[in-house]
Amino acid sequence: MAALFGTRVRRLRTAAGLTQAELGARVHVVSTRITQIERASGAKPTLELARALDAALGAEDLLVELWPYVYREAFPDWSRKFMEYSERAVAVREYAAHVVPGLLQTEDYARAVLSVGRTLGSKEQLEERVALRMGRQERLNGPERPELWVVLDEAVLRRMVGGHAVMRQQLARLLGDAAETHITVQVMPFDQGEHDVMGGSLTLLTMPDGSEIAYTEGAHHGQLIEDPDGVRDLALTYDRLRAAALPPLMSLDMIRSVMEDNHRGANVPSRSDRRRLAQEQLQQSGGRQLRGGGRRVPRGRRPRP
């Protein structure tokens, strides 16, 4: 992709009748930097530079649209492959143990999460990562948006990422997103005890041809699973997780309770009550199995966030 980006820059520069030095002067870099970009050598272009080149060459956002693919080449092969699968998935099922999934993060929350650790060398790199994450969310609003089912560990709601204001905004975002017909949010409460994915996160992707891919992630590593038997086992694990979690309506009540800072008085139902209510919701939805994602409660019966 870096080579493709460089080829596009060279063609656009030539068509504009500019030398490398002239283009460099317009985007405030030395001519050797333009040479590096066109030859796909040296450091990859930053998002800021891609925007400047796009404007200088009148590329109508072509270079900006190519930039995320160039940027991904810095990631491990398994990570890039997962991103590529995610862009084509028709259904996404995810269990998040530590933070809100990237598809549902606010910009400030994402910035706080991505600031942790030593993987980023500059503020510019941080903003690039934030922009890339926000860009991936656009697919949720597009015509080919995937069905999204997310189970959040209760710790995700309780951890004060970015401070009170950022966290309140993030919880409000979850309530708003969960009102969409193609997004389901559940919470796995602390009192549920141990489960099969403690300490890590799990994502299952359903592709257009019906095949499935799984991705597991810990604090410092991730693993892409494509073997059908391995994916099938993880899909069953996920079904058990969302069956044990609070039903969607109760999950929204819990998110709202935490957001309003009165979670100590929240009335979390017992396991037996949750099983009974989950069974009632399943029957109301037509008896569809959990594995298929189920049908949502009609909008008219959903409490306003």
Protein backbone atom coordinates (compact mmCIF):
# COMPACT_ATOMS: atom_id res chain seq x y z
CA MET A 1 0.00 0.00 0.00
CA ALA A 2 2.92 2.36 0.63
CA ALA A 3 4.08 1.67 -2.94
CA LEU A 4 0.58 2.36 -4.28
CA PHE A 5 0.43 5.59 -2.28
CA GLY A 6 3.82 6.64 -3.67
CA THR A 7 2.77 5.86 -7.23
CA ARG A 8 -0.35 7.98 -6.85
CA VAL A 9 1.67 10.89 -5.49
CA ARG A 10 4.14 10.68 -8.36
CA ARG A 11 1.39 10.56 -11.02
CA LEU A 12 -0.49 13.46 -9.47
CA ARG A 13 2.70 15.51 -9.10
CA THR A 14 3.69 14.85 -12.72
CA ALA A 15 0.20 15.73 -13.96
CA ALA A 16 0.40 19.00 -11.99
CA GLY A 17 3.77 19.82 -13.60
CA LEU A 18 5.57 20.01 -10.26
CA THR A 19 9.07 18.91 -9.32
CA GLN A 20 9.67 17.07 -6.08
CA ALA A 21 11.24 20.21 -4.64
CA GLU A 22 8.22 22.33 -5.63
CA LEU A 23 5.77 19.86 -4.12
CA GLY A 24 7.88 19.63 -0.99
CA ALA A 25 7.81 23.42 -0.63
CA ARG A 26 4.00 23.43 -0.90
CA VAL A 27 3.58 20.85 1.89
CA HIS A 28 6.52 22.15 3.97
CA VAL A 29 8.86 19.16 3.70
CA VAL A 30 12.24 18.74 1.98
CA SER A 31 12.36 17.28 -1.51
CA THR A 32 14.03 14.09 -0.26
CA ARG A 33 10.89 13.37 1.80
CA ILE A 34 8.82 13.44 -1.40
CA THR A 35 11.37 11.09 -2.95
CA GLN A 36 10.98 8.69 -0.03
CA ILE A 37 7.20 8.71 -0.32
CA GLU A 38 7.21 8.11 -4.06
CA ARG A 39 9.70 5.23 -3.66
CA ALA A 40 7.93 3.80 -0.60
CA SER A 41 11.15 4.03 1.37
CA GLY A 42 11.85 5.54 4.77
CA ALA A 43 9.16 6.54 7.24
CA LYS A 44 5.54 6.21 6.17
CA PRO A 45 3.66 9.47 5.52
CA THR A 46 1.73 10.87 8.47
CA LEU A 47 -1.98 11.64 8.23
CA GLU A 48 -1.17 15.35 8.36
CA LEU A 49 1.21 15.01 5.42
CA ALA A 50 -1.31 12.92 3.47
CA ARG A 51 -3.87 15.69 3.90
CA ALA A 52 -1.37 18.33 2.82
CA LEU A 53 -0.40 16.35 -0.28
CA ASP A 54 -4.04 15.76 -1.12
CA ALA A 55 -4.76 19.49 -0.96
CA ALA A 56 -1.63 20.52 -2.86
CA LEU A 57 -2.26 18.03 -5.66
CA GLY A 58 -6.05 18.44 -5.83
CA ALA A 59 -6.50 14.71 -5.26
CA GLU A 60 -10.05 15.08 -3.88
CA ASP A 61 -9.32 12.97 -0.75
CA LEU A 62 -7.80 10.09 -2.72
CA LEU A 63 -4.57 10.16 -0.71
CA VAL A 64 -6.39 10.62 2.59
CA GLU A 65 -8.55 7.59 1.82
CA LEU A 66 -5.47 5.51 0.98
CA TRP A 67 -3.58 6.57 4.09
CA PRO A 68 -5.22 4.15 6.62
CA TYR A 69 -4.12 1.19 4.49
CA VAL A 70 -0.57 2.53 4.39
CA TYR A 71 -0.62 3.08 8.15
CA ARG A 72 -1.78 -0.48 8.83
CA GLU A 73 1.39 -1.90 7.33
CA ALA A 74 3.12 -1.01 10.60
CA PHE A 75 0.91 -3.54 12.43
CA PRO A 76 1.65 -7.29 12.71
CA ASP A 77 0.27 -9.52 9.97
CA TRP A 78 -2.42 -11.04 12.21
CA SER A 79 -3.60 -7.59 13.30
CA ARG A 80 -3.86 -6.29 9.74
CA LYS A 81 -5.71 -9.42 8.69
CA PHE A 82 -8.22 -8.97 11.52
CA MET A 83 -8.83 -5.35 10.46
CA GLU A 84 -9.44 -6.49 6.89
CA TYR A 85 -11.90 -9.15 8.01
CA SER A 86 -13.68 -6.63 10.26
CA GLU A 87 -14.32 -4.29 7.35
CA ARG A 88 -16.18 -7.02 5.46
CA ALA A 89 -18.01 -8.70 8.34
CA VAL A 90 -21.82 -8.73 8.25
CA ALA A 91 -22.05 -9.49 11.98
CA VAL A 92 -19.73 -8.72 14.89
CA ARG A 93 -20.06 -10.33 18.32
CA GLU A 94 -17.70 -9.09 20.99
CA TYR A 95 -16.97 -9.57 24.66
CA ALA A 96 -14.94 -6.72 26.18
CA ALA A 97 -13.25 -7.31 29.52
CA HIS A 98 -11.42 -4.04 30.09
CA VAL A 99 -12.51 -1.15 27.86
CA VAL A 100 -15.41 -0.20 25.61
CA PRO A 101 -14.91 -1.75 22.13
CA GLY A 102 -13.39 0.59 19.56
CA LEU A 103 -16.55 0.64 17.43
CA LEU A 104 -18.48 2.24 20.31
CA GLN A 105 -15.83 4.56 21.76
CA THR A 106 -16.15 8.33 21.88
CA GLU A 107 -13.19 10.28 20.54
CA ASP A 108 -12.08 11.43 24.00
CA TYR A 109 -12.39 7.92 25.45
CA ALA A 110 -10.39 6.49 22.53
CA ARG A 111 -7.71 9.12 23.04
CA ALA A 112 -7.42 8.22 26.72
CA VAL A 113 -7.20 4.49 25.98
CA LEU A 114 -4.66 4.89 23.18
CA SER A 115 -2.49 7.17 25.33
CA VAL A 116 -1.70 4.31 27.70
CA GLY A 117 1.62 2.51 27.26
CA ARG A 118 4.72 3.29 25.24
CA THR A 119 3.72 2.20 21.75
CA LEU A 120 3.21 5.77 20.50
CA GLY A 121 6.19 8.02 19.99
CA SER A 122 4.44 11.38 19.58
CA LYS A 123 1.18 13.27 19.91
CA GLU A 124 0.86 13.15 16.13
CA GLN A 125 0.92 9.34 16.19
CA LEU A 126 -1.75 9.36 18.88
CA GLU A 127 -4.04 11.55 16.79
CA GLU A 128 -3.47 9.30 13.79
CA ARG A 129 -4.55 6.27 15.79
CA VAL A 130 -7.62 8.12 17.07
CA ALA A 131 -8.55 9.22 13.55
CA LEU A 132 -8.18 5.66 12.28
CA ARG A 133 -10.41 4.33 15.04
CA MET A 134 -13.08 6.98 14.48
CA GLY A 135 -12.96 6.25 10.76
CA ARG A 136 -13.75 2.58 11.34
CA GLN A 137 -16.93 3.57 13.17
CA GLU A 138 -18.39 5.12 10.02
CA ARG A 139 -19.33 1.66 8.81
CA LEU A 140 -21.91 1.35 11.59
CA ASN A 141 -23.91 4.13 9.93
CA GLY A 142 -23.48 2.99 6.34
CA PRO A 143 -25.83 1.01 4.09
CA GLU A 144 -23.83 -2.20 4.66
CA ARG A 145 -23.60 -1.81 8.43
CA PRO A 146 -23.00 -5.03 10.36
CA GLU A 147 -25.12 -6.41 13.16
CA LEU A 148 -23.22 -5.67 16.36
CA TRP A 149 -23.69 -7.56 19.63
CA VAL A 150 -21.47 -6.50 22.53
CA VAL A 151 -21.16 -7.97 26.03
CA LEU A 152 -19.34 -5.64 28.42
CA ASP A 153 -17.81 -6.81 31.66
CA GLU A 154 -19.08 -4.68 34.53
CA ALA A 155 -15.48 -3.53 35.04
CA VAL A 156 -15.72 -1.66 31.73
CA LEU A 157 -18.46 0.53 33.21
CA ARG A 158 -16.73 1.06 36.56
CA ARG A 159 -13.24 1.92 35.31
CA MET A 160 -12.92 5.70 35.15
CA VAL A 161 -11.13 6.09 31.80
CA GLY A 162 -10.22 9.69 30.99
CA GLY A 163 -11.95 11.16 34.06
CA HIS A 164 -15.56 11.64 35.10
CA ALA A 165 -16.64 13.86 32.18
CA VAL A 166 -15.15 11.56 29.52
CA MET A 167 -16.62 8.48 31.17
CA ARG A 168 -20.08 9.99 31.52
CA GLN A 169 -20.03 10.93 27.84
CA GLN A 170 -18.93 7.40 26.96
CA LEU A 171 -21.72 5.78 28.95
CA ALA A 172 -24.24 8.12 27.35
CA ARG A 173 -22.88 7.07 23.96
CA LEU A 174 -23.47 3.41 24.86
CA LEU A 175 -27.08 4.15 25.77
CA GLY A 176 -27.61 5.99 22.51
CA ASP A 177 -25.97 3.29 20.39
CA ALA A 178 -27.95 0.53 22.09
CA ALA A 179 -31.16 2.22 20.93
CA GLU A 180 -30.20 1.37 17.34
CA THR A 181 -31.92 -1.72 15.95
CA HIS A 182 -28.65 -3.26 14.69
CA ILE A 183 -26.75 -2.85 17.99
CA THR A 184 -27.25 -4.91 21.15
CA VAL A 185 -25.40 -4.19 24.39
CA GLN A 186 -25.34 -6.48 27.43
CA VAL A 187 -23.46 -6.28 30.73
CA MET A 188 -21.77 -9.19 32.50
CA PRO A 189 -22.19 -8.31 36.20
CA PHE A 190 -19.56 -9.02 38.83
CA ASP A 191 -21.90 -11.31 40.75
CA GLN A 192 -22.00 -13.72 37.83
CA GLY A 193 -18.61 -14.94 39.02
CA GLU A 194 -16.02 -16.72 36.92
CA HIS A 195 -16.48 -17.45 33.23
CA ASP A 196 -14.55 -18.81 30.26
CA VAL A 197 -13.07 -15.53 28.97
CA MET A 198 -11.90 -13.95 32.21
CA GLY A 199 -8.91 -11.66 31.73
CA GLY A 200 -9.25 -11.29 27.97
CA SER A 201 -11.54 -10.21 25.17
CA LEU A 202 -13.19 -12.17 22.37
CA THR A 203 -14.50 -11.10 18.97
CA LEU A 204 -16.37 -13.24 16.45
CA LEU A 205 -16.85 -12.07 12.87
CA THR A 206 -19.39 -13.48 10.45
CA MET A 207 -18.35 -12.99 6.84
CA PRO A 208 -20.65 -12.49 3.82
CA ASP A 209 -20.30 -16.16 2.83
CA GLY A 210 -21.39 -17.32 6.30
CA SER A 211 -17.92 -18.34 7.48
CA GLU A 212 -16.68 -17.17 10.88
CA ILE A 213 -13.38 -15.88 12.24
CA ALA A 214 -12.47 -15.42 15.90
CA TYR A 215 -10.01 -13.07 17.56
CA THR A 216 -8.86 -13.24 21.17
CA GLU A 217 -6.87 -10.52 22.88
CA GLY A 218 -5.01 -10.04 26.15
CA ALA A 219 -3.14 -7.06 27.56
CA HIS A 220 -0.14 -7.38 25.23
CA HIS A 221 -1.05 -9.86 22.53
CA GLY A 222 -3.77 -10.98 20.17
CA GLN A 223 -4.53 -14.15 18.23
CA LEU A 224 -6.54 -14.65 15.06
CA ILE A 225 -8.30 -18.02 14.85
CA GLU A 226 -9.48 -19.21 11.45
CA ASP A 227 -9.64 -22.98 12.06
CA PRO A 228 -13.36 -23.92 11.88
CA ASP A 229 -13.23 -26.21 14.95
CA GLY A 230 -11.48 -23.55 17.05
CA VAL A 231 -13.93 -20.87 15.93
CA ARG A 232 -16.90 -23.14 16.67
CA ASP A 233 -15.70 -23.68 20.25
CA LEU A 234 -15.27 -19.94 20.79
CA ALA A 235 -18.72 -19.26 19.30
CA LEU A 236 -20.25 -21.62 21.89
CA THR A 237 -18.24 -19.86 24.58
CA TYR A 238 -19.66 -16.54 23.45
CA ASP A 239 -23.20 -17.91 23.48
CA ARG A 240 -22.70 -18.97 27.10
CA LEU A 241 -21.37 -15.52 27.96
CA ARG A 242 -24.33 -13.59 26.61
CA ALA A 243 -26.77 -16.10 28.11
CA ALA A 244 -25.19 -15.43 31.53
CA ALA A 245 -25.12 -11.64 31.09
CA LEU A 246 -27.93 -9.28 32.04
CA PRO A 247 -30.68 -9.09 29.40
CA PRO A 248 -30.42 -6.01 27.13
CA LEU A 249 -33.03 -3.89 28.94
CA MET A 250 -31.52 -4.58 32.35
CA SER A 251 -28.08 -3.90 30.94
CA LEU A 252 -29.18 -0.45 29.82
CA ASP A 253 -30.61 0.20 33.28
CA MET A 254 -27.26 -0.71 34.81
CA ILE A 255 -25.33 1.52 32.41
CA ARG A 256 -27.69 4.38 33.18
CA SER A 257 -27.34 3.74 36.90
CA VAL A 258 -23.55 3.88 36.73
CA MET A 259 -23.69 7.01 34.61
CA GLU A 260 -25.91 8.72 37.15
CA ASP A 261 -23.50 7.68 39.92
CA ASN A 262 -26.09 5.81 41.94
CA HIS A 263 -24.94 2.30 41.13
CA ARG A 264 -24.65 1.36 44.81
CA GLY A 265 -28.40 1.33 45.01
CA ALA A 266 -28.90 -0.45 41.72
CA ASN A 267 -31.17 -3.45 41.95
CA VAL A 268 -29.29 -6.19 40.08
CA PRO A 269 -31.55 -9.25 39.78
CA SER A 270 -30.49 -12.70 40.96
CA ARG A 271 -29.28 -15.37 38.54
CA SER A 272 -32.59 -17.21 38.67
CA ASP A 273 -34.50 -13.98 37.91
CA ARG A 274 -32.19 -13.25 35.01
CA ARG A 275 -32.69 -16.72 33.55
CA ARG A 276 -36.46 -16.34 33.82
CA LEU A 277 -36.47 -12.87 32.23
CA ALA A 278 -34.08 -13.94 29.49
CA GLN A 279 -36.36 -16.87 28.67
CA GLU A 280 -39.37 -14.53 28.53
CA GLN A 281 -37.53 -12.17 26.16
CA LEU A 282 -36.52 -15.11 23.98
CA GLN A 283 -40.12 -16.30 23.77
CA GLN A 284 -41.35 -12.78 22.96
CA SER A 285 -38.83 -12.58 20.12
CA GLY A 286 -40.29 -15.65 18.47
CA GLY A 287 -38.19 -18.36 20.07
CA ARG A 288 -35.09 -17.73 18.00
CA GLN A 289 -31.89 -19.25 19.32
CA LEU A 290 -29.35 -17.02 21.03
CA ARG A 291 -26.63 -17.98 18.55
CA GLY A 292 -28.33 -16.15 15.70
CA GLY A 293 -28.35 -12.82 17.45
CA GLY A 294 -32.10 -12.85 18.15
CA ARG A 295 -34.62 -10.17 17.47
CA ARG A 296 -34.60 -6.94 19.41
CA VAL A 297 -37.36 -5.80 21.74
CA PRO A 298 -39.65 -3.46 19.74
CA ARG A 299 -38.53 0.14 19.93
CA GLY A 300 -41.77 1.20 21.53
CA ARG A 301 -41.01 -0.93 24.57
CA ARG A 302 -37.43 0.29 25.04
CA PRO A 303 -36.92 2.84 27.83
CA ARG A 304 -35.50 6.13 26.70
CA PRO A 305 -31.85 6.62 27.70
